[in-house]
């Protein structure tokens, strides 16, 4: 008896390095790249994302200007950020 499982198609672009990892894992496990990606998504789907991953670091840096977010352009100019350097 065969069971038909409804699935949706999702097309995404991934970095070359990740594509190579998927291909390598697919070869080693003898699964399709789609199955490897699906399993990784399911396994990683319950982990922390975005802000949750760095929440414990927020506010841990001491020093620096208190108005950095308001005057970022000013501070970047004072450091020479974005200007060409002589090599």
Protein backbone atom coordinates (compact mmCIF):
# COMPACT_ATOMS: atom_id res chain seq x y z
CA UNK A 1 0.00 0.00 0.00
CA UNK A 2 1.31 3.45 -0.91
CA UNK A 3 0.61 6.64 1.00
CA UNK A 4 0.54 9.94 -0.78
CA UNK A 5 1.85 12.84 1.30
CA UNK A 6 0.99 16.31 0.09
CA UNK A 7 4.03 18.57 -0.10
CA UNK A 8 4.62 22.13 -1.20
CA UNK A 9 7.52 23.26 -3.35
CA UNK A 10 9.86 25.94 -2.04
CA UNK A 11 12.64 27.44 -4.14
CA UNK A 12 15.43 29.22 -2.26
CA UNK A 13 18.90 30.48 -3.07
CA UNK A 14 21.69 29.30 -0.78
CA UNK A 15 25.41 30.07 -0.63
CA UNK A 16 27.73 27.79 -2.60
CA UNK A 17 29.31 26.50 0.61
CA UNK A 18 25.95 25.35 1.98
CA UNK A 19 25.06 23.73 -1.36
CA UNK A 20 28.33 21.78 -1.24
CA UNK A 21 27.55 20.65 2.32
CA UNK A 22 24.12 19.43 1.24
CA UNK A 23 25.56 17.58 -1.74
CA UNK A 24 28.24 15.96 0.38
CA UNK A 25 25.76 14.89 3.06
CA UNK A 26 23.38 13.59 0.39
CA UNK A 27 26.14 11.44 -1.10
CA UNK A 28 27.20 10.09 2.31
CA UNK A 29 23.66 9.29 3.47
CA UNK A 30 22.43 8.23 0.02
CA UNK A 31 19.51 10.61 0.32
CA UNK A 32 18.40 13.31 -2.07
CA UNK A 33 19.52 16.88 -1.45
CA UNK A 34 15.87 17.75 -0.92
CA UNK A 35 15.54 15.13 1.82
CA UNK A 36 18.73 16.33 3.52
CA UNK A 37 17.52 19.95 3.41
CA UNK A 38 14.06 18.91 4.65
CA UNK A 39 15.57 17.04 7.61
CA UNK A 40 17.82 19.98 8.47
CA UNK A 41 14.86 22.36 8.38
CA UNK A 42 12.81 20.12 10.63
CA UNK A 43 15.68 19.60 13.09
CA UNK A 44 16.60 23.28 13.21
CA UNK A 45 13.08 24.63 13.10
CA UNK A 46 12.62 24.66 16.86
CA UNK A 47 15.84 26.48 17.73
CA UNK A 48 16.26 30.17 18.49
CA UNK A 49 16.19 32.63 15.61
CA UNK A 50 17.17 36.24 15.06
CA UNK A 51 17.23 38.33 18.21
CA UNK A 52 16.81 35.26 20.44
CA UNK A 53 20.28 34.09 19.39
CA UNK A 54 22.00 37.25 20.65
CA UNK A 55 19.63 38.36 23.40
CA UNK A 56 22.12 37.45 26.12
CA UNK A 57 24.75 39.73 24.53
CA UNK A 58 22.61 42.85 24.30
CA UNK A 59 23.88 45.50 26.69
CA UNK A 60 27.08 43.65 27.58
CA UNK A 61 29.49 46.04 25.85
CA UNK A 62 30.65 48.78 28.17
CA UNK A 63 31.98 52.14 27.10
CA UNK A 64 31.48 53.86 23.81
CA UNK A 65 29.27 56.84 23.10
CA UNK A 66 25.75 56.75 24.52
CA UNK A 67 24.34 58.40 21.38
CA UNK A 68 25.94 56.01 18.87
CA UNK A 69 22.64 55.02 17.25
CA UNK A 70 21.69 58.67 16.72
CA UNK A 71 25.08 59.92 15.47
CA UNK A 72 26.52 56.88 13.68
CA UNK A 73 27.48 58.87 10.55
CA UNK A 74 29.44 61.35 12.66
CA UNK A 75 31.35 58.58 14.46
CA UNK A 76 32.08 56.72 11.21
CA UNK A 77 33.52 59.90 9.66
CA UNK A 78 35.80 60.46 12.66
CA UNK A 79 37.31 57.00 12.19
CA UNK A 80 37.83 57.39 8.44
CA UNK A 81 35.47 54.51 7.71
CA UNK A 82 34.81 54.09 3.98
CA UNK A 83 37.76 56.12 2.77
CA UNK A 84 40.40 54.64 0.53
CA UNK A 85 43.62 53.73 2.29
CA UNK A 86 47.12 53.72 0.88
CA UNK A 87 48.37 50.17 0.69
